[in-house]
Amino acid sequence: MKLVTHSIASDRDSITLPAIRKDFWEFVISRHPIEEEHAPSTKRAYRWRKIPALHLIVGQYVNVHGVGVYVRGERGDKPDEVEQRPRPYAARLKKAVGARDFVYNATPRKYFFLKFKSCNSSSAANWGKMADWLHKEADAYQKTLHRVMEGPKKYRWASPHEWLLEQIEKWPEDMLVSTARDLALVTDADTIQQLFHSEMDADGYFKPLGQNEEGEI
């Protein structure tokens, strides 16, 4: 993983530039490595945490005025249908996460429980507190959505996935290596390729045998 430091950007750089946004999200992941389990760094202004059990997504975003979190539906979902999922819990969710409104005042109505922290996001000196806030709030949103919309949990963890993510933070390196081997044996090929496409490409996985660097046979 690329370690990112505050030296990657200066106050004169704009967070509206795709390359600077990429640097920012890499900084977030370097500061909170578990974030990479949810989504890779990107040149976009936002990243998504998927919550499959609820068919919802917790989004993190950055703009020139600061950073924010919100809830939205899965890609391709109709906004009107998505709105009906959290609506019965709107009052409890707003209070629990500290959001002012149920639906963000935009058309279409597809962003919910938006919360924002104002700061000069183009200054890398602020990236530490921005990253910490995004990570803390996204965690809180995810746990609150599960707790409120699914009701009391039967077990300590909401899912085996949540349990595994927590253990990864604790396990020693040799156990992580062993677990990675076990997961590789039971994970389907399409998922492995989706997760590690760039690394596989760098290793020449997709290059036909006998083909040189110029692509000639």
Protein backbone atom coordinates (compact mmCIF):
# COMPACT_ATOMS: atom_id res chain seq x y z
CA MET A 1 0.00 0.00 0.00
CA LYS A 2 1.23 3.48 -0.84
CA LEU A 3 1.85 5.53 2.29
CA VAL A 4 0.65 9.08 1.83
CA THR A 5 1.83 12.04 3.90
CA HIS A 6 0.92 15.68 4.18
CA SER A 7 3.66 16.60 1.72
CA ILE A 8 1.60 15.37 -1.24
CA ALA A 9 -0.36 18.59 -1.56
CA SER A 10 0.05 22.23 -0.68
CA ASP A 11 -2.45 24.94 0.16
CA ARG A 12 -2.44 26.16 -3.42
CA ASP A 13 -3.68 22.81 -4.72
CA SER A 14 -7.40 22.44 -5.31
CA ILE A 15 -9.39 19.45 -4.10
CA THR A 16 -11.42 19.78 -7.30
CA LEU A 17 -8.50 18.32 -9.26
CA PRO A 18 -8.91 14.54 -9.75
CA ALA A 19 -5.25 13.87 -8.92
CA ILE A 20 -5.52 15.75 -5.61
CA ARG A 21 -8.73 13.92 -4.72
CA LYS A 22 -6.91 10.65 -5.41
CA ASP A 23 -4.13 11.75 -3.06
CA PHE A 24 -6.68 12.64 -0.40
CA TRP A 25 -8.46 9.28 -0.51
CA GLU A 26 -5.10 7.49 -0.43
CA PHE A 27 -4.27 9.55 2.65
CA VAL A 28 -7.56 8.50 4.28
CA ILE A 29 -6.75 4.84 3.63
CA SER A 30 -3.15 5.17 4.84
CA ARG A 31 -4.43 6.72 8.09
CA HIS A 32 -7.29 4.22 8.51
CA PRO A 33 -6.25 1.04 6.60
CA ILE A 34 -9.57 -0.71 7.21
CA GLU A 35 -11.17 1.84 4.88
CA GLU A 36 -9.63 -0.04 1.97
CA GLU A 37 -11.91 -2.97 2.82
CA HIS A 38 -14.89 -0.78 1.91
CA ALA A 39 -13.63 0.94 -1.24
CA PRO A 40 -10.34 1.77 -3.01
CA SER A 41 -8.96 5.26 -3.44
CA THR A 42 -10.49 7.12 -6.35
CA LYS A 43 -10.25 10.31 -8.35
CA ARG A 44 -13.93 10.93 -7.71
CA ALA A 45 -15.24 13.22 -4.99
CA TYR A 46 -16.92 10.31 -3.18
CA ARG A 47 -16.42 6.76 -1.91
CA TRP A 48 -19.12 4.23 -1.00
CA ARG A 49 -19.54 1.76 1.84
CA LYS A 50 -22.03 -0.87 0.75
CA ILE A 51 -24.52 -2.32 3.25
CA PRO A 52 -25.92 -5.29 1.32
CA ALA A 53 -28.30 -6.44 4.06
CA LEU A 54 -30.15 -3.11 3.89
CA HIS A 55 -29.62 -2.40 0.17
CA LEU A 56 -28.16 0.96 1.17
CA ILE A 57 -24.82 2.73 0.87
CA VAL A 58 -23.01 5.06 3.26
CA GLY A 59 -21.20 7.64 1.16
CA GLN A 60 -18.18 9.74 2.07
CA TYR A 61 -17.45 12.83 -0.01
CA VAL A 62 -15.16 15.82 -0.22
CA ASN A 63 -15.61 19.24 -1.86
CA VAL A 64 -13.93 22.63 -1.63
CA HIS A 65 -15.92 23.49 1.51
CA GLY A 66 -15.20 20.36 3.54
CA VAL A 67 -16.24 16.72 3.90
CA GLY A 68 -19.52 14.93 4.43
CA VAL A 69 -21.33 11.62 4.87
CA TYR A 70 -24.74 10.54 3.65
CA VAL A 71 -26.94 7.54 2.90
CA ARG A 72 -28.14 6.57 -0.57
CA GLY A 73 -29.45 3.55 -2.45
CA GLU A 74 -27.51 1.03 -4.46
CA ARG A 75 -26.46 1.83 -8.01
CA GLY A 76 -29.43 1.74 -10.37
CA ASP A 77 -32.10 1.87 -7.64
CA LYS A 78 -35.03 4.22 -8.16
CA PRO A 79 -34.85 7.15 -5.69
CA ASP A 80 -38.54 6.90 -4.77
CA GLU A 81 -38.13 3.25 -3.82
CA VAL A 82 -34.93 3.90 -1.88
CA GLU A 83 -36.62 6.66 0.11
CA GLN A 84 -39.19 4.22 1.47
CA ARG A 85 -36.56 1.98 3.10
CA PRO A 86 -35.28 4.36 5.80
CA ARG A 87 -38.42 6.55 6.00
CA PRO A 88 -40.11 4.57 8.82
CA TYR A 89 -36.95 5.04 10.90
CA ALA A 90 -36.23 8.65 9.84
CA ALA A 91 -36.71 10.33 13.23
CA ARG A 92 -34.62 7.77 15.12
CA LEU A 93 -31.87 7.75 12.50
CA LYS A 94 -31.63 11.55 12.34
CA LYS A 95 -31.26 11.76 16.11
CA ALA A 96 -28.80 8.86 16.30
CA VAL A 97 -26.38 10.14 13.64
CA GLY A 98 -26.89 13.84 14.27
CA ALA A 99 -28.23 14.72 10.83
CA ARG A 100 -30.48 17.75 10.39
CA ASP A 101 -32.71 16.48 7.59
CA PHE A 102 -34.05 13.16 6.34
CA VAL A 103 -33.73 14.00 2.64
CA TYR A 104 -31.14 16.36 1.20
CA ASN A 105 -32.82 19.19 -0.70
CA ALA A 106 -31.88 18.08 -4.19
CA THR A 107 -33.52 16.60 -7.27
CA PRO A 108 -33.79 13.66 -7.50
CA ARG A 109 -34.30 12.99 -3.80
CA LYS A 110 -31.65 10.31 -3.42
CA TYR A 111 -29.37 11.53 -0.59
CA PHE A 112 -30.43 11.00 3.02
CA PHE A 113 -29.19 12.01 6.49
CA LEU A 114 -26.48 14.21 5.04
CA LYS A 115 -23.95 15.53 7.57
CA PHE A 116 -21.16 17.97 6.79
CA LYS A 117 -17.94 19.26 8.36
CA SER A 118 -16.70 22.59 7.04
CA CYS A 119 -12.97 23.14 6.48
CA ASN A 120 -10.45 24.15 3.85
CA SER A 121 -10.13 20.77 2.21
CA SER A 122 -7.53 21.97 -0.31
CA SER A 123 -5.04 22.40 2.54
CA ALA A 124 -3.26 19.13 3.27
CA ALA A 125 -2.70 20.37 6.82
CA ASN A 126 -6.40 19.65 7.40
CA TRP A 127 -6.42 16.19 5.88
CA GLY A 128 -5.76 14.40 9.17
CA LYS A 129 -8.85 15.74 10.93
CA MET A 130 -10.89 15.33 7.73
CA ALA A 131 -9.88 11.66 7.42
CA ASP A 132 -10.58 10.97 11.09
CA TRP A 133 -14.01 12.59 10.88
CA LEU A 134 -14.99 10.70 7.72
CA HIS A 135 -13.89 7.36 9.17
CA LYS A 136 -15.60 7.92 12.53
CA GLU A 137 -18.86 9.15 11.00
CA ALA A 138 -19.06 6.43 8.35
CA ASP A 139 -18.54 3.80 11.06
CA ALA A 140 -21.27 5.40 13.17
CA TYR A 141 -23.69 5.59 10.23
CA GLN A 142 -23.09 1.96 9.29
CA LYS A 143 -23.60 0.65 12.82
CA THR A 144 -26.63 2.87 13.41
CA LEU A 145 -28.35 1.78 10.20
CA HIS A 146 -27.90 -1.87 11.16
CA ARG A 147 -29.05 -1.31 14.75
CA VAL A 148 -32.12 0.78 13.97
CA MET A 149 -33.34 -0.86 10.77
CA GLU A 150 -32.60 -4.49 11.67
CA GLY A 151 -33.61 -4.31 15.32
CA PRO A 152 -31.75 -5.91 18.25
CA LYS A 153 -28.87 -8.10 17.16
CA LYS A 154 -28.90 -11.76 18.05
CA TYR A 155 -25.11 -11.78 18.08
CA ARG A 156 -22.41 -9.28 18.99
CA TRP A 157 -21.54 -8.74 15.31
CA ALA A 158 -24.07 -7.85 12.64
CA SER A 159 -22.55 -10.33 10.19
CA PRO A 160 -19.59 -12.69 9.69
CA HIS A 161 -18.13 -9.98 7.44
CA GLU A 162 -18.19 -7.46 10.31
CA TRP A 163 -16.55 -10.00 12.63
CA LEU A 164 -13.75 -10.71 10.14
CA LEU A 165 -13.04 -7.01 9.55
CA GLU A 166 -12.63 -6.51 13.30
CA GLN A 167 -10.31 -9.51 13.67
CA ILE A 168 -8.08 -8.34 10.80
CA GLU A 169 -7.18 -5.32 12.92
CA LYS A 170 -5.99 -7.62 15.74
CA TRP A 171 -4.39 -10.68 14.14
CA PRO A 172 -0.59 -11.05 13.80
CA GLU A 173 1.01 -11.12 10.36
CA ASP A 174 1.39 -14.91 10.15
CA MET A 175 -2.31 -15.41 10.86
CA LEU A 176 -3.23 -12.80 8.24
CA VAL A 177 -1.14 -14.66 5.66
CA SER A 178 -2.75 -17.98 6.58
CA THR A 179 -6.23 -16.48 6.41
CA ALA A 180 -5.50 -14.87 3.03
CA ARG A 181 -4.48 -18.29 1.68
CA ASP A 182 -7.68 -19.87 2.98
CA LEU A 183 -9.84 -17.10 1.48
CA ALA A 184 -8.03 -17.41 -1.86
CA LEU A 185 -9.04 -21.08 -2.06
CA VAL A 186 -12.75 -20.40 -1.52
CA THR A 187 -13.09 -17.06 -3.36
CA ASP A 188 -14.33 -17.28 -6.96
CA ALA A 189 -12.04 -16.19 -9.81
CA ASP A 190 -14.19 -13.21 -10.84
CA THR A 191 -14.05 -11.70 -7.35
CA ILE A 192 -10.28 -12.16 -7.13
CA GLN A 193 -9.83 -10.50 -10.52
CA GLN A 194 -12.11 -7.63 -9.54
CA LEU A 195 -10.21 -7.00 -6.30
CA PHE A 196 -6.70 -7.35 -7.70
CA HIS A 197 -7.06 -6.40 -11.35
CA SER A 198 -4.37 -3.70 -11.31
CA GLU A 199 -1.89 -5.91 -9.44
CA MET A 200 -2.55 -8.83 -11.80
CA ASP A 201 -2.09 -6.56 -14.79
CA ALA A 202 1.22 -5.27 -13.39
CA ASP A 203 2.41 -8.87 -13.03
CA GLY A 204 1.58 -9.55 -16.68
CA TYR A 205 -1.31 -11.90 -15.91
CA PHE A 206 -3.34 -10.69 -18.89
CA LYS A 207 -0.45 -10.78 -21.37
CA PRO A 208 -0.49 -13.84 -23.67
CA LEU A 209 2.48 -16.14 -23.33
CA GLY A 210 5.26 -15.19 -25.77
CA GLN A 211 4.14 -11.58 -26.15
CA ASN A 212 6.82 -8.92 -25.68
CA GLU A 213 6.51 -5.51 -23.99
CA GLU A 214 5.34 -3.89 -27.27
CA GLY A 215 2.52 -6.40 -27.56
CA GLU A 216 4.10 -8.31 -30.43
CA ILE A 217 4.10 -12.10 -30.58
